[in-house]
Amino acid sequence: MKKAILIICLSLLAGCKSKNISRDTEDLKITKLEAPEINANQQKKAYDLGKRVLETCNTSKFKPFDETEVTKSVMENTTEERLTKTCTRFRQYYGSFVDLKLDGVYKTKQEVIYRYHALYTKKVANKELRVFVNEENLVSAIKSMDWEENFESKLKD
């Protein structure tokens, strides 16, 4: 009986091969856009929506996104409840939100990434906000994270 169980376990283990996923390296390539290549309307949209999210921390009022601004997943994930939870933590550690300073615009095969330095009243705040805009000109993600000084050098690796 023990041998049968051992043989079954070994055959299951041998049958569970890892799946090979092939990715085109073009999908992963990120390039920095220069000023003439940047769509001004798209840049304004990214700034306005990013600022709208972070200003919620100051005002405690959030105007929900609509389907002409963001993808469905962003609309579903950016709820007042989630923002309130994040804002409470941000206000405690970083103070009030002041503004966004554009640091760079980057393009992948499918998206344009607007990278902003998020400015707060406390000097310890060193945060960034990345706004991802897809091919349909909809914001497909908004991510806040710690500021990465050597962001561009990581792109070259």
Protein backbone atom coordinates (compact mmCIF):
# COMPACT_ATOMS: atom_id res chain seq x y z
CA MET A 1 0.00 0.00 0.00
CA LYS A 2 2.83 2.39 0.92
CA LYS A 3 4.56 1.61 -2.38
CA ALA A 4 1.39 2.36 -4.31
CA ILE A 5 0.99 5.75 -2.59
CA LEU A 6 4.67 6.54 -3.18
CA ILE A 7 4.40 5.63 -6.88
CA ILE A 8 1.24 7.74 -7.27
CA CYS A 9 2.91 10.73 -5.56
CA LEU A 10 6.00 10.42 -7.73
CA SER A 11 3.97 10.13 -10.92
CA LEU A 12 1.92 13.20 -9.93
CA LEU A 13 5.10 15.09 -9.15
CA ALA A 14 6.62 14.12 -12.50
CA GLY A 15 3.41 15.07 -14.29
CA CYS A 16 3.39 18.57 -12.80
CA LYS A 17 5.79 20.32 -15.14
CA SER A 18 6.19 24.04 -14.96
CA LYS A 19 4.53 25.88 -17.78
CA ASN A 20 6.83 27.76 -20.14
CA ILE A 21 5.65 31.26 -20.86
CA SER A 22 7.21 32.95 -23.81
CA ARG A 23 7.21 36.72 -23.78
CA ASP A 24 8.23 39.01 -26.50
CA THR A 25 10.97 41.30 -25.19
CA GLU A 26 9.24 44.18 -26.98
CA ASP A 27 6.40 43.85 -24.45
CA LEU A 28 8.84 44.52 -21.63
CA LYS A 29 10.79 47.36 -23.26
CA ILE A 30 10.37 50.77 -21.62
CA THR A 31 11.63 53.94 -23.27
CA LYS A 32 11.65 57.49 -21.98
CA LEU A 33 9.71 59.97 -24.07
CA GLU A 34 11.08 63.42 -24.79
CA ALA A 35 8.94 66.57 -24.68
CA PRO A 36 7.93 66.63 -28.39
CA GLU A 37 6.69 63.01 -28.18
CA ILE A 38 4.41 63.59 -25.17
CA ASN A 39 0.69 64.02 -25.79
CA ALA A 40 -0.19 67.20 -23.86
CA ASN A 41 -3.87 66.28 -23.42
CA GLN A 42 -2.97 62.83 -22.11
CA GLN A 43 -0.38 64.35 -19.77
CA LYS A 44 -2.98 66.78 -18.39
CA LYS A 45 -5.44 63.92 -17.88
CA ALA A 46 -2.85 61.84 -16.01
CA TYR A 47 -1.94 64.81 -13.81
CA ASP A 48 -5.56 65.76 -13.10
CA LEU A 49 -6.63 62.21 -12.18
CA GLY A 50 -3.53 61.57 -10.07
CA LYS A 51 -3.98 64.86 -8.26
CA ARG A 52 -7.69 64.15 -7.75
CA VAL A 53 -6.86 60.90 -5.98
CA LEU A 54 -4.23 62.44 -3.68
CA GLU A 55 -6.26 65.57 -2.93
CA THR A 56 -8.88 63.26 -1.47
CA CYS A 57 -6.49 62.97 1.48
CA ASN A 58 -6.81 66.71 2.11
CA THR A 59 -10.53 67.14 1.51
CA SER A 60 -11.94 63.71 2.43
CA LYS A 61 -14.16 64.04 -0.65
CA PHE A 62 -13.62 61.94 -3.74
CA LYS A 63 -15.34 62.51 -7.06
CA PRO A 64 -15.68 58.98 -8.49
CA PHE A 65 -14.15 58.21 -11.84
CA ASP A 66 -16.29 57.45 -14.88
CA GLU A 67 -15.82 55.15 -17.86
CA THR A 68 -14.45 57.96 -20.06
CA GLU A 69 -11.52 58.50 -17.69
CA VAL A 70 -10.40 55.12 -16.37
CA THR A 71 -10.72 51.41 -17.03
CA LYS A 72 -13.37 49.38 -15.25
CA SER A 73 -10.81 47.79 -12.92
CA VAL A 74 -9.49 51.19 -11.79
CA MET A 75 -13.05 52.39 -11.24
CA GLU A 76 -13.83 49.31 -9.11
CA ASN A 77 -10.59 49.49 -7.11
CA THR A 78 -10.61 53.23 -6.40
CA THR A 79 -13.33 53.38 -3.80
CA GLU A 80 -13.84 56.03 -1.17
CA GLU A 81 -13.35 53.38 1.52
CA ARG A 82 -9.95 52.30 0.17
CA LEU A 83 -8.83 55.89 -0.35
CA THR A 84 -9.85 56.86 3.18
CA LYS A 85 -7.79 54.00 4.61
CA THR A 86 -4.73 54.97 2.53
CA CYS A 87 -5.19 58.69 3.17
CA THR A 88 -5.31 58.22 6.93
CA ARG A 89 -1.91 56.53 6.83
CA PHE A 90 -0.45 59.06 4.35
CA ARG A 91 -1.60 62.12 6.33
CA GLN A 92 -0.13 60.66 9.51
CA TYR A 93 3.30 59.98 7.99
CA TYR A 94 3.64 62.60 5.24
CA GLY A 95 1.31 65.46 6.15
CA SER A 96 -0.98 67.14 3.65
CA PHE A 97 -0.65 66.55 -0.07
CA VAL A 98 0.72 69.63 -1.89
CA ASP A 99 1.19 68.81 -5.59
CA LEU A 100 2.62 66.47 -8.22
CA LYS A 101 5.86 67.18 -10.03
CA LEU A 102 6.34 65.35 -13.34
CA ASP A 103 9.63 63.45 -13.33
CA GLY A 104 9.35 61.57 -16.61
CA VAL A 105 7.12 59.97 -19.19
CA TYR A 106 7.81 56.42 -20.31
CA LYS A 107 6.32 54.23 -23.01
CA THR A 108 5.85 50.49 -23.14
CA LYS A 109 4.30 48.61 -26.03
CA GLN A 110 0.82 49.01 -24.54
CA GLU A 111 0.92 51.94 -22.11
CA VAL A 112 2.35 55.34 -21.34
CA ILE A 113 3.58 55.77 -17.77
CA TYR A 114 3.55 59.22 -16.17
CA ARG A 115 5.92 59.28 -13.20
CA TYR A 116 5.29 62.01 -10.64
CA HIS A 117 7.11 62.99 -7.48
CA ALA A 118 4.32 63.45 -4.92
CA LEU A 119 4.98 66.48 -2.73
CA TYR A 120 3.74 66.59 0.88
CA THR A 121 4.11 69.08 3.74
CA LYS A 122 6.42 66.87 5.83
CA LYS A 123 10.03 66.72 4.68
CA VAL A 124 10.25 62.95 5.33
CA ALA A 125 7.77 62.29 2.53
CA ASN A 126 9.50 60.79 -0.47
CA LYS A 127 6.70 59.24 -2.50
CA GLU A 128 5.95 58.83 -6.16
CA LEU A 129 2.76 58.34 -8.11
CA ARG A 130 2.71 56.46 -11.39
CA VAL A 131 -0.26 56.91 -13.69
CA PHE A 132 -0.58 54.33 -16.49
CA VAL A 133 -2.56 55.31 -19.59
CA ASN A 134 -3.53 52.58 -22.09
CA GLU A 135 -4.00 52.67 -25.87
CA GLU A 136 -7.66 53.74 -25.48
CA ASN A 137 -6.46 56.84 -23.56
CA LEU A 138 -7.93 55.48 -20.32
CA VAL A 139 -6.04 55.38 -17.04
CA SER A 140 -5.37 51.68 -16.50
CA ALA A 141 -3.54 51.94 -13.15
CA ILE A 142 -2.57 54.45 -10.49
CA LYS A 143 0.20 53.34 -8.15
CA SER A 144 1.72 55.10 -5.18
CA MET A 145 5.10 53.90 -3.91
CA ASP A 146 8.31 55.02 -2.30
CA TRP A 147 10.42 57.29 -4.50
CA GLU A 148 13.01 55.43 -6.57
CA GLU A 149 16.01 57.66 -7.30
CA ASN A 150 17.62 55.39 -9.88
CA PHE A 151 14.46 54.58 -11.83
CA GLU A 152 16.01 55.29 -15.24
CA SER A 153 19.13 53.27 -14.56
CA LYS A 154 16.89 50.28 -13.83
CA LEU A 155 15.33 50.70 -17.27
CA LYS A 156 18.69 50.18 -18.94
CA ASP A 157 19.39 46.91 -17.11
